[in-house]
Amino acid sequence: MNPKTNKKILKLGMPKGSLQEATMEIFKKAGIRVSASDRSYFPYCDDEEIEIMLVRSQEMGKYVQDGLFDAGLTGKDWILETNAKVHEVCELQYGKSGFRPVRWVLAVPNDSKIKSVRDLNGKTVATELVNYVTRYLKSKKVKAKVEFSWGATEAKAGMLVDAIVELTETGRSLKANQLRIVEDVLSSTTRFIANPAAWKDPWKRHKIENIAILLQGALAAEGMVGLKMNLQEKSLASIMDILPSLKRPTVSQLTLPGWIAIEVVVEEKIVKRILPQLKRAGAEGIIEYPLNKLIA
């Protein structure tokens, strides 16, 4: 309870660093405006019931587990790395470079003799994901030294260590550094997590669930647009053959006899292809509009 406002407050941890900008953009589309200066760790939020602090994704699971935050956003990779005891509210598939999972991969120099994880016996591996990689190698019955990398991990492969386990979204940076991927170690997406005690609190759980619905709706709307158009009823079958909608379109009668209006949600990438087809099939007054949220 905040003594100044006497209002209930949800303490929310938001990732600082590579995910920060993407996270704030998703919150904005969800209708929750968050803004912070470059040096601020306490962003402004236009929801007075939410109090936000920016922390590194690597630390988020522990802080949520320990109750310093009621909820937070971090990667599944860091939950597994810290073995944090948290409640996973939902998966939010987005990252700094797009809307796909990130990968932790085992990589070696192009000329390395290492061809599989089994070849790491007696070798040294550098990574930020020390605990998880240690468990991973153990599960493969491989005995290797796993050391923490403080940065510039890609530069160490072949020079300071035999192999690395590094985070990648596209693999371009690895190729640029003359490294090849031996195998994928872990695929990770962002997770909205909650402190177990906070999840049991009725008000906090309701607030967390509301945020989750809005965030999932914002992500579901990515790449989607709405289309509205008028047409004669006799053209409906032809129009329906063109529209790949999520569900059957909304159809409403116009005041002009024999005419109807339909509204539908489609992927933005196909609009440029189907608009001319819709026009030729009899659609008129076609309007395309963006979507902020799509809640099924």
Protein backbone atom coordinates (compact mmCIF):
# COMPACT_ATOMS: atom_id res chain seq x y z
CA MET A 1 0.00 0.00 0.00
CA ASN A 2 1.40 3.39 -0.97
CA PRO A 3 1.06 5.72 2.10
CA LYS A 4 0.96 8.84 -0.07
CA THR A 5 -1.99 7.85 -2.22
CA ASN A 6 -3.52 5.13 -0.04
CA LYS A 7 -3.87 3.08 -3.23
CA LYS A 8 -2.90 -0.49 -3.85
CA ILE A 9 0.26 -0.72 -5.93
CA LEU A 10 1.65 -3.50 -8.11
CA LYS A 11 5.45 -3.54 -8.11
CA LEU A 12 6.52 -4.42 -11.63
CA GLY A 13 10.03 -5.23 -12.84
CA MET A 14 10.77 -4.28 -16.44
CA PRO A 15 13.92 -5.43 -18.28
CA LYS A 16 16.62 -2.83 -18.77
CA GLY A 17 18.90 -3.17 -21.76
CA SER A 18 18.23 -4.92 -25.05
CA LEU A 19 14.57 -5.69 -24.28
CA GLN A 20 13.73 -2.30 -22.77
CA GLU A 21 12.64 -0.44 -25.90
CA ALA A 22 10.66 -3.36 -27.29
CA THR A 23 8.93 -3.89 -23.94
CA MET A 24 7.92 -0.25 -23.62
CA GLU A 25 6.54 -0.33 -27.16
CA ILE A 26 4.43 -3.41 -26.40
CA PHE A 27 3.12 -1.76 -23.23
CA LYS A 28 2.24 1.34 -25.26
CA LYS A 29 0.24 -0.74 -27.74
CA ALA A 30 -1.44 -2.42 -24.78
CA GLY A 31 -2.58 1.01 -23.60
CA ILE A 32 -0.08 1.38 -20.76
CA ARG A 33 2.33 4.24 -21.41
CA VAL A 34 5.78 3.89 -19.88
CA SER A 35 8.61 6.35 -20.38
CA ALA A 36 12.07 6.78 -18.89
CA SER A 37 15.18 8.85 -19.50
CA ASP A 38 18.41 7.06 -20.39
CA ARG A 39 19.70 7.33 -16.82
CA SER A 40 16.48 6.57 -14.98
CA TYR A 41 15.72 3.24 -13.37
CA PHE A 42 12.21 4.32 -12.32
CA PRO A 43 10.07 4.96 -15.41
CA TYR A 44 6.89 7.00 -15.42
CA CYS A 45 3.75 4.92 -15.92
CA ASP A 46 0.35 6.42 -16.65
CA ASP A 47 -1.33 3.66 -14.62
CA GLU A 48 -1.21 4.90 -11.03
CA GLU A 49 -1.60 1.34 -9.71
CA ILE A 50 1.69 0.22 -11.28
CA GLU A 51 5.13 1.10 -9.90
CA ILE A 52 7.97 0.15 -12.26
CA MET A 53 11.69 -0.35 -11.81
CA LEU A 54 14.14 -1.28 -14.56
CA VAL A 55 16.56 -4.13 -13.80
CA ARG A 56 18.61 -6.50 -15.92
CA SER A 57 16.75 -9.53 -17.27
CA GLN A 58 19.38 -11.78 -15.71
CA GLU A 59 18.33 -10.63 -12.22
CA MET A 60 14.57 -10.43 -12.70
CA GLY A 61 13.66 -13.99 -11.70
CA LYS A 62 15.42 -13.74 -8.34
CA TYR A 63 13.87 -10.36 -7.50
CA VAL A 64 10.38 -11.61 -8.36
CA GLN A 65 10.99 -14.84 -6.45
CA ASP A 66 12.10 -12.90 -3.37
CA GLY A 67 9.08 -10.57 -3.49
CA LEU A 68 10.98 -7.39 -4.32
CA PHE A 69 8.70 -7.27 -7.36
CA ASP A 70 5.16 -8.62 -7.53
CA ALA A 71 5.64 -9.36 -11.22
CA GLY A 72 8.17 -8.88 -13.98
CA LEU A 73 9.21 -9.65 -17.51
CA THR A 74 12.27 -11.70 -18.38
CA GLY A 75 13.43 -14.42 -20.71
CA LYS A 76 12.74 -18.09 -20.07
CA ASP A 77 16.51 -18.55 -20.36
CA TRP A 78 17.19 -16.46 -17.27
CA ILE A 79 14.44 -18.16 -15.29
CA LEU A 80 16.14 -21.48 -16.01
CA GLU A 81 19.62 -20.08 -15.36
CA THR A 82 18.73 -18.78 -11.89
CA ASN A 83 16.28 -21.62 -11.19
CA ALA A 84 13.88 -18.95 -9.93
CA LYS A 85 10.74 -20.16 -8.18
CA VAL A 86 8.15 -17.96 -9.85
CA HIS A 87 4.71 -18.33 -11.38
CA GLU A 88 4.73 -18.02 -15.17
CA VAL A 89 1.67 -15.98 -16.07
CA CYS A 90 2.07 -16.14 -19.85
CA GLU A 91 4.49 -16.28 -22.75
CA LEU A 92 5.11 -13.05 -24.66
CA GLN A 93 6.91 -13.79 -27.90
CA TYR A 94 8.93 -10.71 -28.76
CA GLY A 95 12.55 -9.60 -28.70
CA LYS A 96 14.81 -6.71 -29.58
CA SER A 97 14.94 -7.76 -33.25
CA GLY A 98 11.47 -9.11 -33.85
CA PHE A 99 8.72 -11.45 -32.82
CA ARG A 100 10.49 -14.78 -32.73
CA PRO A 101 12.30 -16.81 -30.06
CA VAL A 102 15.96 -16.16 -29.35
CA ARG A 103 18.44 -19.05 -29.44
CA TRP A 104 21.36 -20.02 -27.26
CA VAL A 105 23.72 -21.93 -29.51
CA LEU A 106 26.94 -23.86 -29.14
CA ALA A 107 29.40 -22.27 -31.56
CA VAL A 108 33.02 -22.86 -32.53
CA PRO A 109 35.44 -21.39 -35.07
CA ASN A 110 34.85 -22.53 -38.64
CA ASP A 111 38.09 -24.55 -38.65
CA SER A 112 37.46 -26.24 -35.28
CA LYS A 113 37.47 -30.05 -35.13
CA ILE A 114 34.47 -29.92 -32.77
CA LYS A 115 31.50 -31.31 -34.70
CA SER A 116 29.06 -32.18 -31.90
CA VAL A 117 28.52 -31.57 -28.20
CA ARG A 118 30.22 -34.93 -27.48
CA ASP A 119 33.48 -33.47 -28.77
CA LEU A 120 33.54 -31.03 -25.84
CA ASN A 121 34.88 -33.63 -23.38
CA GLY A 122 37.89 -32.05 -21.66
CA LYS A 123 37.31 -28.72 -23.41
CA THR A 124 36.49 -25.23 -22.08
CA VAL A 125 33.24 -23.42 -22.87
CA ALA A 126 32.54 -19.72 -22.21
CA THR A 127 29.01 -18.42 -21.71
CA GLU A 128 26.84 -16.13 -19.62
CA LEU A 129 24.45 -19.04 -19.09
CA VAL A 130 26.82 -21.00 -16.84
CA ASN A 131 24.35 -22.91 -14.66
CA TYR A 132 22.09 -23.98 -17.50
CA VAL A 133 24.96 -24.98 -19.79
CA THR A 134 26.55 -26.98 -16.95
CA ARG A 135 23.30 -28.89 -16.50
CA TYR A 136 22.94 -29.26 -20.26
CA LEU A 137 26.37 -30.81 -20.68
CA LYS A 138 25.76 -33.11 -17.73
CA SER A 139 22.54 -34.32 -19.38
CA LYS A 140 24.63 -35.15 -22.46
CA LYS A 141 27.20 -36.94 -20.26
CA VAL A 142 29.88 -34.50 -21.35
CA LYS A 143 32.60 -33.35 -18.93
CA ALA A 144 33.79 -29.88 -19.87
CA LYS A 145 34.81 -26.74 -18.02
CA VAL A 146 32.16 -24.02 -18.20
CA GLU A 147 33.33 -20.53 -17.36
CA PHE A 148 31.43 -17.28 -17.10
CA SER A 149 31.99 -14.77 -19.87
CA TRP A 150 31.86 -11.11 -18.93
CA GLY A 151 31.40 -10.04 -22.53
CA ALA A 152 32.92 -10.20 -26.01
CA THR A 153 32.15 -13.91 -25.89
CA GLU A 154 32.36 -14.40 -29.66
CA ALA A 155 35.96 -13.15 -29.71
CA LYS A 156 37.06 -15.81 -27.22
CA ALA A 157 36.19 -18.86 -29.33
CA GLY A 158 39.34 -20.55 -30.56
CA MET A 159 41.56 -18.06 -28.75
CA LEU A 160 40.76 -18.27 -25.04
CA VAL A 161 38.25 -21.14 -25.02
CA ASP A 162 37.37 -24.06 -27.27
CA ALA A 163 33.71 -23.17 -27.71
CA ILE A 164 31.06 -20.72 -26.64
CA VAL A 165 27.35 -20.85 -25.90
CA GLU A 166 26.00 -17.53 -27.06
CA LEU A 167 22.67 -15.82 -27.58
CA THR A 168 21.62 -15.16 -31.16
CA GLU A 169 18.47 -14.09 -32.99
CA THR A 170 19.63 -14.21 -36.60
CA GLY A 171 23.08 -15.85 -36.50
CA ARG A 172 24.58 -13.04 -38.58
CA SER A 173 27.00 -11.89 -35.88
CA LEU A 174 28.35 -15.42 -35.45
CA LYS A 175 28.99 -15.73 -39.18
CA ALA A 176 30.67 -12.33 -39.22
CA ASN A 177 33.06 -13.58 -36.55
CA GLN A 178 33.89 -16.75 -38.52
CA LEU A 179 31.97 -18.99 -36.16
CA ARG A 180 29.67 -21.88 -36.99
CA ILE A 181 26.80 -23.27 -34.96
CA VAL A 182 27.29 -26.82 -33.72
CA GLU A 183 23.83 -27.17 -32.21
CA ASP A 184 21.04 -25.28 -30.49
CA VAL A 185 21.19 -25.43 -26.70
CA LEU A 186 18.05 -23.51 -25.73
CA SER A 187 15.20 -21.60 -27.36
CA SER A 188 13.80 -18.78 -25.23
CA THR A 189 10.98 -16.26 -25.27
CA THR A 190 9.95 -13.49 -22.91
CA ARG A 191 7.77 -14.55 -19.98
CA PHE A 192 5.51 -12.52 -17.73
CA ILE A 193 6.18 -13.90 -14.25
CA ALA A 194 4.70 -13.33 -10.80
CA ASN A 195 5.79 -13.82 -7.23
CA PRO A 196 3.88 -16.85 -5.86
CA ALA A 197 2.58 -14.88 -2.86
CA ALA A 198 1.50 -11.97 -5.06
CA TRP A 199 -0.30 -14.43 -7.35
CA LYS A 200 -2.33 -15.63 -4.36
CA ASP A 201 -3.34 -12.06 -3.47
CA PRO A 202 -6.75 -11.46 -5.14
CA TRP A 203 -6.15 -7.81 -6.06
CA LYS A 204 -2.61 -8.35 -7.34
CA ARG A 205 -3.58 -11.43 -9.32
CA HIS A 206 -6.49 -9.58 -10.94
CA LYS A 207 -4.17 -6.70 -11.86
CA ILE A 208 -1.50 -9.03 -13.23
CA GLU A 209 -4.07 -10.95 -15.28
CA ASN A 210 -5.42 -7.68 -16.70
CA ILE A 211 -1.94 -6.64 -17.79
CA ALA A 212 -1.34 -10.08 -19.33
CA ILE A 213 -4.55 -9.87 -21.37
CA LEU A 214 -3.60 -6.44 -22.70
CA LEU A 215 -0.02 -7.45 -23.53
CA GLN A 216 -1.12 -10.64 -25.29
CA GLY A 217 -3.69 -8.61 -27.21
CA ALA A 218 -1.03 -6.13 -28.32
CA LEU A 219 1.23 -8.95 -29.54
CA ALA A 220 -1.64 -10.72 -31.30
CA ALA A 221 -2.34 -7.51 -33.25
CA GLU A 222 1.22 -7.34 -34.62
CA GLY A 223 1.15 -7.67 -38.37
CA MET A 224 -2.64 -7.55 -38.50
CA VAL A 225 -4.96 -4.85 -39.88
CA GLY A 226 -8.68 -4.33 -40.15
CA LEU A 227 -10.55 -3.96 -43.42
CA LYS A 228 -13.98 -2.40 -43.95
CA MET A 229 -15.84 -2.30 -47.26
CA ASN A 230 -19.25 -1.95 -48.84
CA LEU A 231 -20.63 -4.31 -51.48
CA GLN A 232 -23.80 -5.62 -53.03
CA GLU A 233 -25.19 -8.71 -51.34
CA LYS A 234 -24.83 -10.67 -54.58
CA SER A 235 -21.04 -10.11 -54.43
CA LEU A 236 -20.62 -11.55 -50.92
CA ALA A 237 -19.69 -15.07 -52.04
CA SER A 238 -16.96 -13.75 -54.35
CA ILE A 239 -15.59 -11.48 -51.63
CA MET A 240 -15.58 -14.32 -49.09
CA ASP A 241 -13.45 -16.42 -51.43
CA ILE A 242 -10.79 -13.70 -51.32
CA LEU A 243 -10.75 -12.90 -47.59
CA PRO A 244 -8.61 -15.19 -45.35
CA SER A 245 -10.13 -13.92 -42.10
CA LEU A 246 -9.51 -15.01 -38.53
CA LYS A 247 -13.22 -15.69 -38.22
CA ARG A 248 -16.27 -15.08 -40.36
CA PRO A 249 -16.42 -11.34 -41.12
CA THR A 250 -18.89 -9.01 -39.47
CA VAL A 251 -21.72 -8.30 -41.90
CA SER A 252 -24.20 -5.43 -41.48
CA GLN A 253 -27.03 -4.08 -43.63
CA LEU A 254 -26.74 -0.65 -45.23
CA THR A 255 -29.71 1.68 -45.69
CA LEU A 256 -29.38 1.23 -49.43
CA PRO A 257 -31.40 -1.89 -50.39
CA GLY A 258 -29.29 -4.81 -51.57
CA TRP A 259 -26.07 -3.40 -50.10
CA ILE A 260 -24.08 -4.60 -47.05
CA ALA A 261 -20.92 -3.63 -45.18
CA ILE A 262 -18.38 -6.18 -44.00
CA GLU A 263 -15.49 -5.86 -41.56
CA VAL A 264 -12.66 -8.34 -41.15
CA VAL A 265 -9.14 -8.75 -39.69
CA VAL A 266 -6.36 -9.91 -42.03
CA GLU A 267 -2.57 -10.10 -42.14
CA GLU A 268 -1.09 -6.81 -43.27
CA LYS A 269 1.36 -8.52 -45.62
CA ILE A 270 -1.46 -9.84 -47.85
CA VAL A 271 -3.41 -6.58 -48.12
CA LYS A 272 -1.52 -5.29 -51.16
CA ARG A 273 -2.37 -8.52 -52.96
CA ILE A 274 -6.05 -8.79 -52.10
CA LEU A 275 -7.16 -5.13 -52.33
CA PRO A 276 -7.22 -5.11 -56.14
CA GLN A 277 -9.02 -8.46 -56.07
CA LEU A 278 -11.64 -7.10 -53.68
CA LYS A 279 -12.16 -4.05 -55.87
CA ARG A 280 -12.65 -6.20 -58.97
CA ALA A 281 -15.04 -8.48 -57.07
CA GLY A 282 -17.35 -5.54 -56.30
CA ALA A 283 -16.09 -4.06 -53.02
CA GLU A 284 -16.34 -0.27 -52.66
CA GLY A 285 -15.27 2.26 -50.01
CA ILE A 286 -12.52 -0.05 -48.79
CA ILE A 287 -10.84 1.19 -45.60
CA GLU A 288 -7.69 -0.28 -44.05
CA TYR A 289 -6.96 0.57 -40.41
CA PRO A 290 -4.25 -0.44 -37.90
CA LEU A 291 -4.86 -2.55 -34.80
CA ASN A 292 -3.34 -1.96 -31.37
CA LYS A 293 -4.84 -4.98 -29.66
CA LEU A 294 -6.48 -8.19 -30.82
CA ILE A 295 -8.11 -10.11 -27.98
CA ALA A 296 -9.64 -13.44 -28.92
